[in-house]
Amino acid sequence: MSSADNTDKKPVIAILGGSGDLGGGLALRWATAGYEVIIGSRTEEKASAAAAALNARDLAIPARAMSNEAAAAAGEVLVMTVPFANHQATLEAIREAVQGKVFIDVTVPLMPPKVGTVQMPEGGSACIQAQAFLGDAVKVVSAYQNVAAAHLNDLDHAPDCDVLVCGNDKEACALVVSLTEAAGMKGWHAGPIANSVVAEAMTSVLITLNRRYKIPGAGFSITGKPGV
């Protein structure tokens, strides 16, 4: 394989918790953009059903289905979109398989019934917890907490939401920014993993705005233009 082929090769993306609406929406965006996507779930049966629904769409590459553990081992870039209640258990199940990889944590610490109230976990944020638990060999990146799943699943419209990308590894963050652009959104490298608290907390604020102003999936945009 030539060096050009290596440069052009897209990474295989495994979405843990990909049978949910947000994971499925991200999978749809990346699969239509030419990425090979693996749908992971707690059971392979749930993953297979989600992959079948995804493959009924007009994809560039058909999605595959695996358990979360198998998907974590097979994927090159991992994306975790599980509820906060399943966050720690999922990390424990896939810890060994993710070593040395880019790990995008989309988890938001929503704590029902008060999901419109910011309630951050011990340690500061779910992503900070993930980085501490998985270890420094894993390049944990925070992203996509503020994107409405309904917008991702509607290919006729742009998601209309900017994405804050936070992580301690600059190359990993640059990769996630490029994946964000491939999914039809604008990504911004917003600093180290410590800053992930802002994106996670913002989700509860957006939920409150959705309820109060009847917005079908509020997002946010960064104003101003980057300098040359």
C-alpha atoms as a PDB file:
ATOM      1  CA  MET A   1       0.000   0.000   0.000  1.00  0.00           C
ATOM      2  CA  SER A   2       1.395   3.441  -0.920  1.00  0.00           C
ATOM      3  CA  SER A   3       1.823   6.304   1.536  1.00  0.00           C
ATOM      4  CA  ALA A   4      -1.027   8.093  -0.250  1.00  0.00           C
ATOM      5  CA  ASP A   5      -3.294   5.116   0.391  1.00  0.00           C
ATOM      6  CA  ASN A   6      -2.384   5.252   4.089  1.00  0.00           C
ATOM      7  CA  THR A   7      -3.164   8.966   4.223  1.00  0.00           C
ATOM      8  CA  ASP A   8      -6.552   8.536   2.572  1.00  0.00           C
ATOM      9  CA  LYS A   9      -7.650   5.518   4.617  1.00  0.00           C
ATOM     10  CA  LYS A  10     -10.561   6.309   6.908  1.00  0.00           C
ATOM     11  CA  PRO A  11     -10.507   4.757  10.393  1.00  0.00           C
ATOM     12  CA  VAL A  12     -13.051   2.127  11.379  1.00  0.00           C
ATOM     13  CA  ILE A  13     -15.439   3.721  13.887  1.00  0.00           C
ATOM     14  CA  ALA A  14     -17.024   1.567  16.582  1.00  0.00           C
ATOM     15  CA  ILE A  15     -20.000   3.148  18.370  1.00  0.00           C
ATOM     16  CA  LEU A  16     -20.601   1.618  21.796  1.00  0.00           C
ATOM     17  CA  GLY A  17     -24.250   2.058  22.649  1.00  0.00           C
ATOM     18  CA  GLY A  18     -24.897   2.571  18.959  1.00  0.00           C
ATOM     19  CA  SER A  19     -28.407   1.105  19.156  1.00  0.00           C
ATOM     20  CA  GLY A  20     -29.634   4.353  20.762  1.00  0.00           C
ATOM     21  CA  ASP A  21     -30.862   7.443  18.921  1.00  0.00           C
ATOM     22  CA  LEU A  22     -27.683   9.521  19.333  1.00  0.00           C
ATOM     23  CA  GLY A  23     -25.308   6.681  18.519  1.00  0.00           C
ATOM     24  CA  GLY A  24     -27.447   5.717  15.543  1.00  0.00           C
ATOM     25  CA  GLY A  25     -27.496   9.301  14.293  1.00  0.00           C
ATOM     26  CA  LEU A  26     -23.714   9.600  14.446  1.00  0.00           C
ATOM     27  CA  ALA A  27     -23.384   6.207  12.757  1.00  0.00           C
ATOM     28  CA  LEU A  28     -25.671   7.341   9.942  1.00  0.00           C
ATOM     29  CA  ARG A  29     -23.686  10.529   9.346  1.00  0.00           C
ATOM     30  CA  TRP A  30     -20.333   8.759   9.242  1.00  0.00           C
ATOM     31  CA  ALA A  31     -21.548   5.773   7.228  1.00  0.00           C
ATOM     32  CA  THR A  32     -22.966   8.051   4.536  1.00  0.00           C
ATOM     33  CA  ALA A  33     -19.642   9.925   4.512  1.00  0.00           C
ATOM     34  CA  GLY A  34     -17.750   6.755   3.622  1.00  0.00           C
ATOM     35  CA  TYR A  35     -16.595   5.504   7.027  1.00  0.00           C
ATOM     36  CA  GLU A  36     -16.875   1.866   8.037  1.00  0.00           C
ATOM     37  CA  VAL A  37     -19.047   1.803  11.160  1.00  0.00           C
ATOM     38  CA  ILE A  38     -19.530  -0.917  13.752  1.00  0.00           C
ATOM     39  CA  ILE A  39     -22.670  -0.745  15.890  1.00  0.00           C
ATOM     40  CA  GLY A  40     -22.031  -1.987  19.419  1.00  0.00           C
ATOM     41  CA  SER A  41     -24.608  -2.718  22.093  1.00  0.00           C
ATOM     42  CA  ARG A  42     -24.923  -4.636  25.347  1.00  0.00           C
ATOM     43  CA  THR A  43     -26.241  -7.566  23.304  1.00  0.00           C
ATOM     44  CA  GLU A  44     -25.380  -8.506  19.740  1.00  0.00           C
ATOM     45  CA  GLU A  45     -29.118  -8.922  19.028  1.00  0.00           C
ATOM     46  CA  LYS A  46     -29.795  -5.241  19.778  1.00  0.00           C
ATOM     47  CA  ALA A  47     -26.772  -4.243  17.736  1.00  0.00           C
ATOM     48  CA  SER A  48     -27.939  -6.360  14.795  1.00  0.00           C
ATOM     49  CA  ALA A  49     -31.395  -4.762  14.821  1.00  0.00           C
ATOM     50  CA  ALA A  50     -29.881  -1.269  14.876  1.00  0.00           C
ATOM     51  CA  ALA A  51     -27.422  -2.119  12.087  1.00  0.00           C
ATOM     52  CA  ALA A  52     -30.232  -3.547   9.948  1.00  0.00           C
ATOM     53  CA  ALA A  53     -32.237  -0.337  10.338  1.00  0.00           C
ATOM     54  CA  LEU A  54     -29.155   1.703   9.465  1.00  0.00           C
ATOM     55  CA  ASN A  55     -28.383  -0.436   6.417  1.00  0.00           C
ATOM     56  CA  ALA A  56     -31.869   0.261   5.079  1.00  0.00           C
ATOM     57  CA  ARG A  57     -30.636   3.817   4.487  1.00  0.00           C
ATOM     58  CA  ASP A  58     -28.431   4.875   1.572  1.00  0.00           C
ATOM     59  CA  LEU A  59     -24.997   4.163   3.072  1.00  0.00           C
ATOM     60  CA  ALA A  60     -21.616   4.267   1.394  1.00  0.00           C
ATOM     61  CA  ILE A  61     -20.499   1.213   3.427  1.00  0.00           C
ATOM     62  CA  PRO A  62     -22.857  -1.201   5.257  1.00  0.00           C
ATOM     63  CA  ALA A  63     -22.660  -1.123   9.049  1.00  0.00           C
ATOM     64  CA  ARG A  64     -21.632  -4.177  11.068  1.00  0.00           C
ATOM     65  CA  ALA A  65     -23.059  -5.292  14.433  1.00  0.00           C
ATOM     66  CA  MET A  66     -21.216  -6.617  17.504  1.00  0.00           C
ATOM     67  CA  SER A  67     -21.408  -6.604  21.281  1.00  0.00           C
ATOM     68  CA  ASN A  68     -19.827  -3.567  22.909  1.00  0.00           C
ATOM     69  CA  GLU A  69     -16.787  -5.615  23.928  1.00  0.00           C
ATOM     70  CA  ALA A  70     -16.209  -7.015  20.436  1.00  0.00           C
ATOM     71  CA  ALA A  71     -16.812  -3.620  18.821  1.00  0.00           C
ATOM     72  CA  ALA A  72     -14.264  -2.002  21.141  1.00  0.00           C
ATOM     73  CA  ALA A  73     -11.667  -4.549  20.059  1.00  0.00           C
ATOM     74  CA  ALA A  74     -12.457  -4.244  16.344  1.00  0.00           C
ATOM     75  CA  GLY A  75     -12.761  -0.459  16.060  1.00  0.00           C
ATOM     76  CA  GLU A  76      -9.893   1.951  15.487  1.00  0.00           C
ATOM     77  CA  VAL A  77     -11.768   5.002  16.804  1.00  0.00           C
ATOM     78  CA  LEU A  78     -14.276   4.318  19.565  1.00  0.00           C
ATOM     79  CA  VAL A  79     -17.346   6.410  20.377  1.00  0.00           C
ATOM     80  CA  MET A  80     -19.313   5.768  23.574  1.00  0.00           C
ATOM     81  CA  THR A  81     -22.932   6.959  23.584  1.00  0.00           C
ATOM     82  CA  VAL A  82     -24.368   5.126  26.592  1.00  0.00           C
ATOM     83  CA  PRO A  83     -26.584   6.605  29.350  1.00  0.00           C
ATOM     84  CA  PHE A  84     -24.661   7.847  32.381  1.00  0.00           C
ATOM     85  CA  ALA A  85     -26.167   5.033  34.469  1.00  0.00           C
ATOM     86  CA  ASN A  86     -24.262   2.549  32.250  1.00  0.00           C
ATOM     87  CA  HIS A  87     -21.076   4.618  31.945  1.00  0.00           C
ATOM     88  CA  GLN A  88     -18.840   2.934  34.519  1.00  0.00           C
ATOM     89  CA  ALA A  89     -19.997  -0.603  33.728  1.00  0.00           C
ATOM     90  CA  THR A  90     -19.279  -0.065  30.025  1.00  0.00           C
ATOM     91  CA  LEU A  91     -15.824   1.350  30.768  1.00  0.00           C
ATOM     92  CA  GLU A  92     -15.041  -1.704  32.880  1.00  0.00           C
ATOM     93  CA  ALA A  93     -16.141  -4.066  30.104  1.00  0.00           C
ATOM     94  CA  ILE A  94     -14.029  -2.466  27.369  1.00  0.00           C
ATOM     95  CA  ARG A  95     -11.014  -1.159  29.320  1.00  0.00           C
ATOM     96  CA  GLU A  96      -8.444  -3.583  27.915  1.00  0.00           C
ATOM     97  CA  ALA A  97      -9.702  -3.358  24.334  1.00  0.00           C
ATOM     98  CA  VAL A  98      -9.394   0.433  24.113  1.00  0.00           C
ATOM     99  CA  GLN A  99      -5.755   0.787  25.145  1.00  0.00           C
ATOM    100  CA  GLY A 100      -3.787   2.915  22.666  1.00  0.00           C
ATOM    101  CA  LYS A 101      -6.904   4.088  20.814  1.00  0.00           C
ATOM    102  CA  VAL A 102      -8.849   7.329  20.422  1.00  0.00           C
ATOM    103  CA  PHE A 103     -11.908   7.115  22.672  1.00  0.00           C
ATOM    104  CA  ILE A 104     -14.678   9.684  22.146  1.00  0.00           C
ATOM    105  CA  ASP A 105     -16.933   9.909  25.195  1.00  0.00           C
ATOM    106  CA  VAL A 106     -20.342  11.445  24.442  1.00  0.00           C
ATOM    107  CA  THR A 107     -21.804  10.632  27.860  1.00  0.00           C
ATOM    108  CA  VAL A 108     -23.750  13.314  29.707  1.00  0.00           C
ATOM    109  CA  PRO A 109     -24.307  12.945  33.477  1.00  0.00           C
ATOM    110  CA  LEU A 110     -28.074  13.420  33.334  1.00  0.00           C
ATOM    111  CA  MET A 111     -29.703  12.292  36.557  1.00  0.00           C
ATOM    112  CA  PRO A 112     -33.493  11.792  36.214  1.00  0.00           C
ATOM    113  CA  PRO A 113     -35.909  13.200  37.015  1.00  0.00           C
ATOM    114  CA  LYS A 114     -34.092  16.574  37.089  1.00  0.00           C
ATOM    115  CA  VAL A 115     -32.391  16.311  33.698  1.00  0.00           C
ATOM    116  CA  GLY A 116     -32.780  20.055  33.174  1.00  0.00           C
ATOM    117  CA  THR A 117     -30.589  20.762  36.208  1.00  0.00           C
ATOM    118  CA  VAL A 118     -26.794  20.585  35.947  1.00  0.00           C
ATOM    119  CA  GLN A 119     -25.545  17.768  38.198  1.00  0.00           C
ATOM    120  CA  MET A 120     -21.873  16.997  37.628  1.00  0.00           C
ATOM    121  CA  PRO A 121     -20.390  13.749  38.950  1.00  0.00           C
ATOM    122  CA  GLU A 122     -17.487  13.281  41.317  1.00  0.00           C
ATOM    123  CA  GLY A 123     -14.273  14.141  39.518  1.00  0.00           C
ATOM    124  CA  GLY A 124     -15.823  16.945  37.483  1.00  0.00           C
ATOM    125  CA  SER A 125     -17.287  15.263  34.398  1.00  0.00           C
ATOM    126  CA  ALA A 126     -18.014  11.874  32.854  1.00  0.00           C
ATOM    127  CA  CYS A 127     -15.100  12.328  30.430  1.00  0.00           C
ATOM    128  CA  ILE A 128     -12.668  13.153  33.209  1.00  0.00           C
ATOM    129  CA  GLN A 129     -13.815   9.997  34.981  1.00  0.00           C
ATOM    130  CA  ALA A 130     -13.275   7.990  31.780  1.00  0.00           C
ATOM    131  CA  GLN A 131      -9.747   9.323  31.287  1.00  0.00           C
ATOM    132  CA  ALA A 132      -8.816   8.572  34.901  1.00  0.00           C
ATOM    133  CA  PHE A 133     -10.226   5.047  34.738  1.00  0.00           C
ATOM    134  CA  LEU A 134      -8.903   4.054  31.286  1.00  0.00           C
ATOM    135  CA  GLY A 135      -5.414   5.494  31.823  1.00  0.00           C
ATOM    136  CA  ASP A 136      -3.092   7.769  29.910  1.00  0.00           C
ATOM    137  CA  ALA A 137      -2.560   5.259  27.078  1.00  0.00           C
ATOM    138  CA  VAL A 138      -6.144   5.938  25.959  1.00  0.00           C
ATOM    139  CA  LYS A 139      -6.718   9.237  24.134  1.00  0.00           C
ATOM    140  CA  VAL A 140     -10.069  10.256  25.605  1.00  0.00           C
ATOM    141  CA  VAL A 141     -11.855  13.065  23.766  1.00  0.00           C
ATOM    142  CA  SER A 142     -15.112  14.764  24.781  1.00  0.00           C
ATOM    143  CA  ALA A 143     -17.545  15.653  21.963  1.00  0.00           C
ATOM    144  CA  TYR A 144     -21.158  15.611  20.655  1.00  0.00           C
ATOM    145  CA  GLN A 145     -22.951  16.059  23.999  1.00  0.00           C
ATOM    146  CA  ASN A 146     -24.971  19.024  22.706  1.00  0.00           C
ATOM    147  CA  VAL A 147     -26.174  17.640  19.352  1.00  0.00           C
ATOM    148  CA  ALA A 148     -29.838  16.645  19.000  1.00  0.00           C
ATOM    149  CA  ALA A 149     -30.216  13.054  17.793  1.00  0.00           C
ATOM    150  CA  ALA A 150     -33.222  13.991  15.644  1.00  0.00           C
ATOM    151  CA  HIS A 151     -31.087  16.427  13.651  1.00  0.00           C
ATOM    152  CA  LEU A 152     -28.408  13.797  13.048  1.00  0.00           C
ATOM    153  CA  ASN A 153     -30.972  11.307  11.784  1.00  0.00           C
ATOM    154  CA  ASP A 154     -32.445  13.756   9.246  1.00  0.00           C
ATOM    155  CA  LEU A 155     -30.057  13.764   6.285  1.00  0.00           C
ATOM    156  CA  ASP A 156     -32.099  16.438   4.507  1.00  0.00           C
ATOM    157  CA  HIS A 157     -30.954  19.049   7.013  1.00  0.00           C
ATOM    158  CA  ALA A 158     -27.630  20.039   8.574  1.00  0.00           C
ATOM    159  CA  PRO A 159     -27.469  19.368  12.345  1.00  0.00           C
ATOM    160  CA  ASP A 160     -27.152  23.167  12.943  1.00  0.00           C
ATOM    161  CA  CYS A 161     -24.985  22.761  16.029  1.00  0.00           C
ATOM    162  CA  ASP A 162     -21.317  23.444  16.708  1.00  0.00           C
ATOM    163  CA  VAL A 163     -19.328  20.843  18.644  1.00  0.00           C
ATOM    164  CA  LEU A 164     -16.844  21.478  21.471  1.00  0.00           C
ATOM    165  CA  VAL A 165     -13.968  18.993  21.286  1.00  0.00           C
ATOM    166  CA  CYS A 166     -11.911  18.627  24.486  1.00  0.00           C
ATOM    167  CA  GLY A 167      -8.976  16.319  25.169  1.00  0.00           C
ATOM    168  CA  ASN A 168      -5.382  16.169  26.331  1.00  0.00           C
ATOM    169  CA  ASP A 169      -4.004  14.813  23.042  1.00  0.00           C
ATOM    170  CA  LYS A 170      -3.952  17.457  20.286  1.00  0.00           C
ATOM    171  CA  GLU A 171      -3.728  14.939  17.419  1.00  0.00           C
ATOM    172  CA  ALA A 172      -6.713  13.002  18.761  1.00  0.00           C
ATOM    173  CA  CYS A 173      -8.699  16.233  19.042  1.00  0.00           C
ATOM    174  CA  ALA A 174      -7.746  17.177  15.472  1.00  0.00           C
ATOM    175  CA  LEU A 175      -9.036  13.791  14.298  1.00  0.00           C
ATOM    176  CA  VAL A 176     -12.351  14.330  16.107  1.00  0.00           C
ATOM    177  CA  VAL A 177     -12.679  17.804  14.581  1.00  0.00           C
ATOM    178  CA  SER A 178     -12.278  16.218  11.123  1.00  0.00           C
ATOM    179  CA  LEU A 179     -14.856  13.536  11.973  1.00  0.00           C
ATOM    180  CA  THR A 180     -17.210  16.294  13.107  1.00  0.00           C
ATOM    181  CA  GLU A 181     -16.857  18.059   9.767  1.00  0.00           C
ATOM    182  CA  ALA A 182     -17.467  14.756   7.946  1.00  0.00           C
ATOM    183  CA  ALA A 183     -20.737  14.468   9.906  1.00  0.00           C
ATOM    184  CA  GLY A 184     -21.847  17.905   8.703  1.00  0.00           C
ATOM    185  CA  MET A 185     -21.002  19.997  11.769  1.00  0.00           C
ATOM    186  CA  LYS A 186     -18.373  22.529  12.824  1.00  0.00           C
ATOM    187  CA  GLY A 187     -15.920  21.243  15.439  1.00  0.00           C
ATOM    188  CA  TRP A 188     -13.857  23.449  17.744  1.00  0.00           C
ATOM    189  CA  HIS A 189     -10.845  22.271  19.744  1.00  0.00           C
ATOM    190  CA  ALA A 190     -11.877  23.720  23.104  1.00  0.00           C
ATOM    191  CA  GLY A 191      -8.936  22.728  25.287  1.00  0.00           C
ATOM    192  CA  PRO A 192      -7.998  19.863  27.624  1.00  0.00           C
ATOM    193  CA  ILE A 193     -10.248  17.157  29.000  1.00  0.00           C
ATOM    194  CA  ALA A 194     -10.862  19.331  32.094  1.00  0.00           C
ATOM    195  CA  ASN A 195     -12.947  21.642  29.895  1.00  0.00           C
ATOM    196  CA  SER A 196     -15.380  18.818  29.069  1.00  0.00           C
ATOM    197  CA  VAL A 197     -17.371  19.908  32.119  1.00  0.00           C
ATOM    198  CA  VAL A 198     -18.708  22.828  30.065  1.00  0.00           C
ATOM    199  CA  ALA A 199     -20.133  20.706  27.229  1.00  0.00           C
ATOM    200  CA  GLU A 200     -21.629  18.151  29.614  1.00  0.00           C
ATOM    201  CA  ALA A 201     -23.262  20.833  31.760  1.00  0.00           C
ATOM    202  CA  MET A 202     -24.554  22.665  28.680  1.00  0.00           C
ATOM    203  CA  THR A 203     -26.792  19.705  27.824  1.00  0.00           C
ATOM    204  CA  SER A 204     -29.044  20.324  30.820  1.00  0.00           C
ATOM    205  CA  VAL A 205     -29.236  24.004  29.868  1.00  0.00           C
ATOM    206  CA  LEU A 206     -30.268  23.085  26.317  1.00  0.00           C
ATOM    207  CA  ILE A 207     -32.918  20.681  27.646  1.00  0.00           C
ATOM    208  CA  THR A 208     -34.323  23.550  29.714  1.00  0.00           C
ATOM    209  CA  LEU A 209     -34.391  25.814  26.644  1.00  0.00           C
ATOM    210  CA  ASN A 210     -36.119  23.112  24.589  1.00  0.00           C
ATOM    211  CA  ARG A 211     -38.861  22.821  27.191  1.00  0.00           C
ATOM    212  CA  ARG A 212     -39.357  26.523  27.901  1.00  0.00           C
ATOM    213  CA  TYR A 213     -39.249  27.798  24.324  1.00  0.00           C
ATOM    214  CA  LYS A 214     -40.586  24.699  22.503  1.00  0.00           C
ATOM    215  CA  ILE A 215     -37.378  24.354  20.458  1.00  0.00           C
ATOM    216  CA  PRO A 216     -37.080  20.994  18.644  1.00  0.00           C
ATOM    217  CA  GLY A 217     -33.485  20.285  19.611  1.00  0.00           C
ATOM    218  CA  ALA A 218     -31.628  23.449  20.631  1.00  0.00           C
ATOM    219  CA  GLY A 219     -27.913  23.661  19.891  1.00  0.00           C
ATOM    220  CA  PHE A 220     -25.333  26.421  19.963  1.00  0.00           C
ATOM    221  CA  SER A 221     -22.931  28.146  17.566  1.00  0.00           C
ATOM    222  CA  ILE A 222     -19.590  29.847  18.193  1.00  0.00           C
ATOM    223  CA  THR A 223     -19.688  33.443  16.948  1.00  0.00           C
ATOM    224  CA  GLY A 224     -16.809  35.184  15.210  1.00  0.00           C
ATOM    225  CA  LYS A 225     -14.396  33.933  12.563  1.00  0.00           C
ATOM    226  CA  PRO A 226     -10.992  32.340  13.195  1.00  0.00           C
ATOM    227  CA  GLY A 227      -7.979  34.441  12.201  1.00  0.00           C
ATOM    228  CA  VAL A 228      -5.658  33.312   9.435  1.00  0.00           C
END
